[in-house]
Amino acid sequence: MTDTPIQTLNDLARLRGAPVLTPETAQALRGELEQAMTTASWFTIGVMAPSADAALTSLRSLEASQGWEPLKVVDSTAEPGPVFLKANQKGGSIRIRIEHGLGEGILISGHGDDESQPSTTWGPLPLNFFA
């Protein structure tokens, strides 16, 4: 028996919020995610977080870990509260809005340059997954 039911990226798909991962599981998922991301041309990222600052910190950690150029915040909120951050590499933009009732975590969707490559979403991953 294992300590966590999460063993692969596919195990995350049924969750509303990111689970607590053991260091070993997180490392295994990082390797699987790295391999899976090589099939995509560009990405959209969703971050469900308790605040805009927490969401942006998680996104910046992801960008740094992947060697991506930082995207530009084009719309945000000054209100306190839970947020949903949507980042789009193709458009180079980040939008942050208040959103109640969500879990917490990072969702990464890989996209192709045409319809022959379907988009795939991985996550939710913990907010500190790329820290």
N, C-alpha and C. Protein backbone atom coordinates (compact mmCIF):
# COMPACT_ATOMS: atom_id res chain seq x y z
N MET A 1 0.84 -1.19 0.00
CA MET A 1 0.00 0.00 0.00
C MET A 1 0.88 1.25 0.00
N THR A 2 0.45 2.30 -0.70
CA THR A 2 1.24 3.52 -0.80
C THR A 2 0.70 4.57 0.15
N ASP A 3 1.52 5.58 0.43
CA ASP A 3 1.10 6.66 1.32
C ASP A 3 0.13 7.62 0.64
N THR A 4 0.17 7.70 -0.67
CA THR A 4 -0.68 8.63 -1.40
C THR A 4 -1.30 7.92 -2.60
N PRO A 5 -2.55 8.23 -2.91
CA PRO A 5 -3.15 7.61 -4.09
C PRO A 5 -2.64 8.23 -5.40
N ILE A 6 -1.88 9.29 -5.30
CA ILE A 6 -1.36 9.97 -6.49
C ILE A 6 -0.04 9.35 -6.88
N GLN A 7 -0.01 8.74 -8.06
CA GLN A 7 1.21 8.13 -8.56
C GLN A 7 1.61 8.69 -9.92
N THR A 8 0.62 9.17 -10.70
CA THR A 8 0.88 9.71 -12.04
C THR A 8 0.09 11.00 -12.24
N LEU A 9 0.42 11.72 -13.29
CA LEU A 9 -0.32 12.95 -13.61
C LEU A 9 -1.81 12.67 -13.82
N ASN A 10 -2.13 11.53 -14.40
CA ASN A 10 -3.54 11.19 -14.63
C ASN A 10 -4.33 11.10 -13.34
N ASP A 11 -3.68 10.74 -12.24
CA ASP A 11 -4.37 10.64 -10.95
C ASP A 11 -4.85 12.00 -10.45
N LEU A 12 -4.24 13.08 -10.92
CA LEU A 12 -4.62 14.43 -10.48
C LEU A 12 -5.91 14.91 -11.15
N ALA A 13 -6.21 14.39 -12.31
CA ALA A 13 -7.31 14.91 -13.13
C ALA A 13 -8.67 14.85 -12.44
N ARG A 14 -8.85 13.95 -11.51
CA ARG A 14 -10.15 13.81 -10.84
C ARG A 14 -10.31 14.76 -9.65
N LEU A 15 -9.28 15.51 -9.31
CA LEU A 15 -9.29 16.35 -8.12
C LEU A 15 -9.73 17.79 -8.41
N ARG A 16 -10.37 18.41 -7.43
CA ARG A 16 -10.75 19.83 -7.53
C ARG A 16 -9.64 20.74 -7.01
N GLY A 17 -8.81 20.22 -6.15
CA GLY A 17 -7.70 20.98 -5.59
C GLY A 17 -6.48 20.10 -5.51
N ALA A 18 -5.33 20.73 -5.43
CA ALA A 18 -4.06 19.99 -5.42
C ALA A 18 -3.90 19.23 -4.11
N PRO A 19 -3.40 18.00 -4.20
CA PRO A 19 -3.14 17.22 -2.99
C PRO A 19 -1.80 17.59 -2.37
N VAL A 20 -1.60 17.16 -1.15
CA VAL A 20 -0.28 17.24 -0.53
C VAL A 20 0.50 16.06 -1.07
N LEU A 21 1.69 16.34 -1.59
CA LEU A 21 2.51 15.30 -2.20
C LEU A 21 3.75 15.03 -1.37
N THR A 22 4.16 13.78 -1.33
CA THR A 22 5.43 13.46 -0.70
C THR A 22 6.53 14.00 -1.63
N PRO A 23 7.72 14.25 -1.10
CA PRO A 23 8.81 14.70 -1.97
C PRO A 23 9.08 13.71 -3.11
N GLU A 24 8.98 12.43 -2.84
CA GLU A 24 9.24 11.41 -3.86
C GLU A 24 8.18 11.46 -4.96
N THR A 25 6.93 11.60 -4.56
CA THR A 25 5.85 11.68 -5.55
C THR A 25 5.97 12.94 -6.37
N ALA A 26 6.27 14.07 -5.72
CA ALA A 26 6.44 15.33 -6.45
C ALA A 26 7.57 15.21 -7.47
N GLN A 27 8.67 14.59 -7.09
CA GLN A 27 9.81 14.42 -8.01
C GLN A 27 9.41 13.56 -9.20
N ALA A 28 8.68 12.48 -8.94
CA ALA A 28 8.24 11.60 -10.03
C ALA A 28 7.29 12.34 -10.97
N LEU A 29 6.37 13.13 -10.40
CA LEU A 29 5.43 13.89 -11.22
C LEU A 29 6.15 14.96 -12.04
N ARG A 30 7.17 15.59 -11.46
CA ARG A 30 7.95 16.59 -12.21
C ARG A 30 8.57 15.96 -13.46
N GLY A 31 9.13 14.77 -13.31
CA GLY A 31 9.73 14.09 -14.45
C GLY A 31 8.69 13.73 -15.50
N GLU A 32 7.55 13.23 -15.06
CA GLU A 32 6.47 12.88 -15.99
C GLU A 32 5.94 14.13 -16.70
N LEU A 33 5.77 15.21 -15.94
CA LEU A 33 5.27 16.46 -16.52
C LEU A 33 6.27 17.02 -17.53
N GLU A 34 7.54 17.00 -17.20
CA GLU A 34 8.57 17.51 -18.12
C GLU A 34 8.49 16.78 -19.45
N GLN A 35 8.35 15.48 -19.40
CA GLN A 35 8.25 14.68 -20.62
C GLN A 35 6.97 15.00 -21.37
N ALA A 36 5.85 15.09 -20.66
CA ALA A 36 4.56 15.36 -21.29
C ALA A 36 4.54 16.73 -21.96
N MET A 37 5.19 17.71 -21.34
CA MET A 37 5.17 19.07 -21.87
C MET A 37 5.96 19.21 -23.17
N THR A 38 6.85 18.28 -23.45
CA THR A 38 7.64 18.37 -24.69
C THR A 38 6.78 18.21 -25.94
N THR A 39 5.58 17.67 -25.79
CA THR A 39 4.72 17.46 -26.95
C THR A 39 3.91 18.71 -27.32
N ALA A 40 3.94 19.73 -26.47
CA ALA A 40 3.15 20.94 -26.71
C ALA A 40 4.00 22.06 -27.30
N SER A 41 3.33 22.92 -28.06
CA SER A 41 4.01 24.07 -28.66
C SER A 41 3.94 25.31 -27.78
N TRP A 42 2.82 25.43 -27.04
CA TRP A 42 2.64 26.58 -26.15
C TRP A 42 1.65 26.18 -25.06
N PHE A 43 1.51 27.04 -24.04
CA PHE A 43 0.76 26.66 -22.84
C PHE A 43 -0.18 27.76 -22.36
N THR A 44 -1.27 27.32 -21.74
CA THR A 44 -2.08 28.19 -20.90
C THR A 44 -1.97 27.64 -19.50
N ILE A 45 -1.99 28.53 -18.53
CA ILE A 45 -1.84 28.13 -17.14
C ILE A 45 -2.98 28.75 -16.34
N GLY A 46 -3.60 27.94 -15.51
CA GLY A 46 -4.61 28.42 -14.58
C GLY A 46 -4.09 28.21 -13.18
N VAL A 47 -4.22 29.22 -12.34
CA VAL A 47 -3.79 29.09 -10.95
C VAL A 47 -4.96 29.49 -10.06
N MET A 48 -5.38 28.56 -9.22
CA MET A 48 -6.41 28.80 -8.22
C MET A 48 -5.67 29.01 -6.91
N ALA A 49 -5.82 30.20 -6.30
CA ALA A 49 -5.01 30.52 -5.13
C ALA A 49 -5.81 31.40 -4.16
N PRO A 50 -5.34 31.48 -2.90
CA PRO A 50 -6.05 32.29 -1.91
C PRO A 50 -5.91 33.80 -2.12
N SER A 51 -4.96 34.22 -2.96
CA SER A 51 -4.75 35.64 -3.21
C SER A 51 -4.07 35.84 -4.57
N ALA A 52 -4.16 37.06 -5.07
CA ALA A 52 -3.49 37.38 -6.34
C ALA A 52 -1.98 37.24 -6.20
N ASP A 53 -1.42 37.65 -5.06
CA ASP A 53 0.03 37.53 -4.85
C ASP A 53 0.47 36.07 -4.86
N ALA A 54 -0.30 35.20 -4.20
CA ALA A 54 0.05 33.77 -4.16
C ALA A 54 -0.04 33.16 -5.56
N ALA A 55 -1.06 33.55 -6.32
CA ALA A 55 -1.21 33.03 -7.68
C ALA A 55 -0.05 33.47 -8.56
N LEU A 56 0.30 34.74 -8.49
CA LEU A 56 1.39 35.26 -9.32
C LEU A 56 2.73 34.65 -8.92
N THR A 57 2.95 34.45 -7.63
CA THR A 57 4.19 33.81 -7.16
C THR A 57 4.30 32.40 -7.73
N SER A 58 3.20 31.65 -7.72
CA SER A 58 3.21 30.28 -8.27
C SER A 58 3.51 30.30 -9.76
N LEU A 59 2.88 31.24 -10.49
CA LEU A 59 3.12 31.33 -11.93
C LEU A 59 4.58 31.70 -12.20
N ARG A 60 5.12 32.65 -11.47
CA ARG A 60 6.51 33.08 -11.70
C ARG A 60 7.48 31.92 -11.43
N SER A 61 7.18 31.08 -10.43
CA SER A 61 8.02 29.92 -10.16
C SER A 61 7.97 28.94 -11.33
N LEU A 62 6.79 28.72 -11.90
CA LEU A 62 6.64 27.86 -13.06
C LEU A 62 7.43 28.42 -14.24
N GLU A 63 7.26 29.72 -14.51
CA GLU A 63 7.99 30.35 -15.62
C GLU A 63 9.50 30.18 -15.45
N ALA A 64 9.99 30.42 -14.24
CA ALA A 64 11.44 30.31 -13.99
C ALA A 64 11.91 28.87 -14.16
N SER A 65 11.12 27.92 -13.68
CA SER A 65 11.54 26.52 -13.77
C SER A 65 11.59 26.04 -15.22
N GLN A 66 10.78 26.63 -16.09
CA GLN A 66 10.74 26.23 -17.49
C GLN A 66 11.61 27.11 -18.39
N GLY A 67 12.19 28.16 -17.82
CA GLY A 67 13.01 29.08 -18.61
C GLY A 67 12.17 29.94 -19.54
N TRP A 68 10.91 30.17 -19.18
CA TRP A 68 10.01 30.98 -20.01
C TRP A 68 10.19 32.46 -19.71
N GLU A 69 9.96 33.30 -20.71
CA GLU A 69 9.90 34.74 -20.49
C GLU A 69 8.69 35.05 -19.63
N PRO A 70 8.81 35.94 -18.64
CA PRO A 70 7.65 36.28 -17.82
C PRO A 70 6.54 36.92 -18.65
N LEU A 71 5.33 36.48 -18.41
CA LEU A 71 4.16 37.05 -19.08
C LEU A 71 3.76 38.34 -18.40
N LYS A 72 2.97 39.15 -19.08
CA LYS A 72 2.58 40.47 -18.59
C LYS A 72 1.17 40.43 -17.99
N VAL A 73 1.03 40.99 -16.79
CA VAL A 73 -0.29 41.11 -16.16
C VAL A 73 -1.04 42.23 -16.86
N VAL A 74 -2.15 41.90 -17.52
CA VAL A 74 -2.94 42.90 -18.23
C VAL A 74 -4.25 43.22 -17.50
N ASP A 75 -4.64 42.35 -16.58
CA ASP A 75 -5.86 42.61 -15.80
C ASP A 75 -5.71 41.89 -14.47
N SER A 76 -5.99 42.61 -13.38
CA SER A 76 -5.86 42.02 -12.05
C SER A 76 -6.91 42.62 -11.13
N THR A 77 -6.86 42.22 -9.89
CA THR A 77 -7.78 42.73 -8.89
C THR A 77 -6.99 43.19 -7.67
N ALA A 78 -7.46 44.26 -7.06
CA ALA A 78 -6.86 44.74 -5.82
C ALA A 78 -7.65 44.21 -4.63
N GLU A 79 -8.79 43.57 -4.90
CA GLU A 79 -9.62 43.03 -3.83
C GLU A 79 -8.94 41.84 -3.18
N PRO A 80 -9.08 41.71 -1.85
CA PRO A 80 -8.57 40.51 -1.19
C PRO A 80 -9.52 39.35 -1.46
N GLY A 81 -8.99 38.16 -1.44
CA GLY A 81 -9.84 36.99 -1.61
C GLY A 81 -9.26 35.99 -2.57
N PRO A 82 -9.93 34.85 -2.69
CA PRO A 82 -9.45 33.80 -3.59
C PRO A 82 -9.54 34.25 -5.05
N VAL A 83 -8.58 33.79 -5.85
CA VAL A 83 -8.51 34.24 -7.24
C VAL A 83 -8.33 33.07 -8.19
N PHE A 84 -8.62 33.35 -9.45
CA PHE A 84 -8.25 32.48 -10.55
C PHE A 84 -7.38 33.31 -11.48
N LEU A 85 -6.16 32.83 -11.73
CA LEU A 85 -5.22 33.47 -12.65
C LEU A 85 -5.22 32.66 -13.93
N LYS A 86 -5.36 33.34 -15.05
CA LYS A 86 -5.30 32.69 -16.37
C LYS A 86 -4.14 33.32 -17.13
N ALA A 87 -3.17 32.51 -17.49
CA ALA A 87 -2.01 32.98 -18.24
C ALA A 87 -2.00 32.30 -19.60
N ASN A 88 -1.70 33.06 -20.64
CA ASN A 88 -1.72 32.56 -22.00
C ASN A 88 -0.40 32.90 -22.67
N GLN A 89 0.42 31.88 -22.93
CA GLN A 89 1.71 32.12 -23.57
C GLN A 89 1.57 32.69 -24.97
N LYS A 90 0.60 32.24 -25.71
CA LYS A 90 0.45 32.71 -27.10
C LYS A 90 0.14 34.20 -27.14
N GLY A 91 -0.69 34.65 -26.21
CA GLY A 91 -1.03 36.07 -26.15
C GLY A 91 -0.09 36.86 -25.26
N GLY A 92 0.72 36.16 -24.45
CA GLY A 92 1.68 36.83 -23.58
C GLY A 92 1.05 37.53 -22.39
N SER A 93 -0.18 37.11 -22.01
CA SER A 93 -0.90 37.87 -21.01
C SER A 93 -1.32 37.04 -19.79
N ILE A 94 -1.54 37.77 -18.70
CA ILE A 94 -2.04 37.21 -17.45
C ILE A 94 -3.27 38.03 -17.05
N ARG A 95 -4.32 37.33 -16.67
CA ARG A 95 -5.53 37.97 -16.14
C ARG A 95 -5.85 37.31 -14.80
N ILE A 96 -6.16 38.13 -13.81
CA ILE A 96 -6.46 37.62 -12.47
C ILE A 96 -7.81 38.18 -12.04
N ARG A 97 -8.69 37.28 -11.56
CA ARG A 97 -10.01 37.72 -11.10
C ARG A 97 -10.35 37.02 -9.79
N ILE A 98 -11.18 37.67 -8.99
CA ILE A 98 -11.70 37.04 -7.78
C ILE A 98 -12.60 35.89 -8.21
N GLU A 99 -12.43 34.75 -7.54
CA GLU A 99 -13.25 33.58 -7.87
C GLU A 99 -13.41 32.75 -6.59
N HIS A 100 -14.61 32.73 -6.06
CA HIS A 100 -14.90 31.95 -4.85
C HIS A 100 -15.30 30.53 -5.24
N GLY A 101 -15.09 29.58 -4.34
CA GLY A 101 -15.55 28.22 -4.54
C GLY A 101 -14.61 27.30 -5.28
N LEU A 102 -13.43 27.77 -5.59
CA LEU A 102 -12.45 26.92 -6.28
C LEU A 102 -11.55 26.23 -5.26
N GLY A 103 -10.88 25.20 -5.68
CA GLY A 103 -9.83 24.59 -4.87
C GLY A 103 -8.58 25.44 -5.01
N GLU A 104 -7.44 24.86 -4.68
CA GLU A 104 -6.16 25.52 -4.88
C GLU A 104 -5.31 24.64 -5.77
N GLY A 105 -4.50 25.25 -6.63
CA GLY A 105 -3.58 24.48 -7.44
C GLY A 105 -3.28 25.12 -8.77
N ILE A 106 -2.36 24.50 -9.47
CA ILE A 106 -1.91 24.96 -10.79
C ILE A 106 -2.39 23.97 -11.84
N LEU A 107 -2.99 24.48 -12.89
CA LEU A 107 -3.41 23.69 -14.04
C LEU A 107 -2.60 24.15 -15.24
N ILE A 108 -2.00 23.23 -15.94
CA ILE A 108 -1.20 23.56 -17.12
C ILE A 108 -1.83 22.87 -18.31
N SER A 109 -2.14 23.62 -19.35
CA SER A 109 -2.68 23.03 -20.59
C SER A 109 -1.68 23.24 -21.70
N GLY A 110 -1.31 22.15 -22.35
CA GLY A 110 -0.41 22.20 -23.49
C GLY A 110 -1.21 22.22 -24.78
N HIS A 111 -0.81 23.06 -25.72
CA HIS A 111 -1.53 23.24 -26.98
C HIS A 111 -0.57 23.04 -28.16
N GLY A 112 -1.15 22.64 -29.28
CA GLY A 112 -0.39 22.53 -30.52
C GLY A 112 -0.63 23.75 -31.38
N ASP A 113 0.07 23.81 -32.48
CA ASP A 113 -0.08 24.95 -33.39
C ASP A 113 -1.25 24.79 -34.36
N ASP A 114 -1.84 23.59 -34.41
CA ASP A 114 -3.01 23.37 -35.26
C ASP A 114 -3.90 22.30 -34.63
N GLU A 115 -4.99 21.99 -35.28
CA GLU A 115 -5.98 21.07 -34.72
C GLU A 115 -5.51 19.61 -34.69
N SER A 116 -4.40 19.29 -35.33
CA SER A 116 -3.92 17.92 -35.32
C SER A 116 -3.36 17.52 -33.96
N GLN A 117 -3.06 18.49 -33.12
CA GLN A 117 -2.53 18.21 -31.78
C GLN A 117 -3.54 18.69 -30.74
N PRO A 118 -4.29 17.77 -30.12
CA PRO A 118 -5.28 18.18 -29.14
C PRO A 118 -4.61 18.75 -27.89
N SER A 119 -5.31 19.65 -27.20
CA SER A 119 -4.76 20.20 -25.97
C SER A 119 -4.92 19.19 -24.85
N THR A 120 -4.00 19.24 -23.91
CA THR A 120 -4.00 18.34 -22.76
C THR A 120 -3.78 19.19 -21.52
N THR A 121 -4.51 18.86 -20.44
CA THR A 121 -4.37 19.60 -19.18
C THR A 121 -3.80 18.68 -18.12
N TRP A 122 -2.83 19.21 -17.35
CA TRP A 122 -2.22 18.48 -16.25
C TRP A 122 -2.45 19.25 -14.97
N GLY A 123 -2.79 18.54 -13.90
CA GLY A 123 -3.01 19.15 -12.60
C GLY A 123 -4.37 18.80 -12.05
N PRO A 124 -4.67 19.38 -10.90
CA PRO A 124 -4.00 20.49 -10.22
C PRO A 124 -2.75 20.05 -9.45
N LEU A 125 -1.74 20.86 -9.61
CA LEU A 125 -0.47 20.67 -8.91
C LEU A 125 -0.42 21.65 -7.75
N PRO A 126 0.26 21.31 -6.66
CA PRO A 126 0.36 22.24 -5.52
C PRO A 126 0.94 23.59 -5.94
N LEU A 127 0.53 24.63 -5.24
CA LEU A 127 1.01 25.99 -5.55
C LEU A 127 2.53 26.11 -5.45
N ASN A 128 3.14 25.32 -4.60
CA ASN A 128 4.61 25.38 -4.43
C ASN A 128 5.34 24.32 -5.26
N PHE A 129 4.69 23.70 -6.21
CA PHE A 129 5.26 22.59 -6.98
C PHE A 129 6.54 22.97 -7.71
N PHE A 130 6.64 24.21 -8.17
CA PHE A 130 7.80 24.64 -8.95
C PHE A 130 8.76 25.50 -8.16
N ALA A 131 8.50 25.68 -6.87
CA ALA A 131 9.35 26.54 -6.02
C ALA A 131 10.68 25.90 -5.74
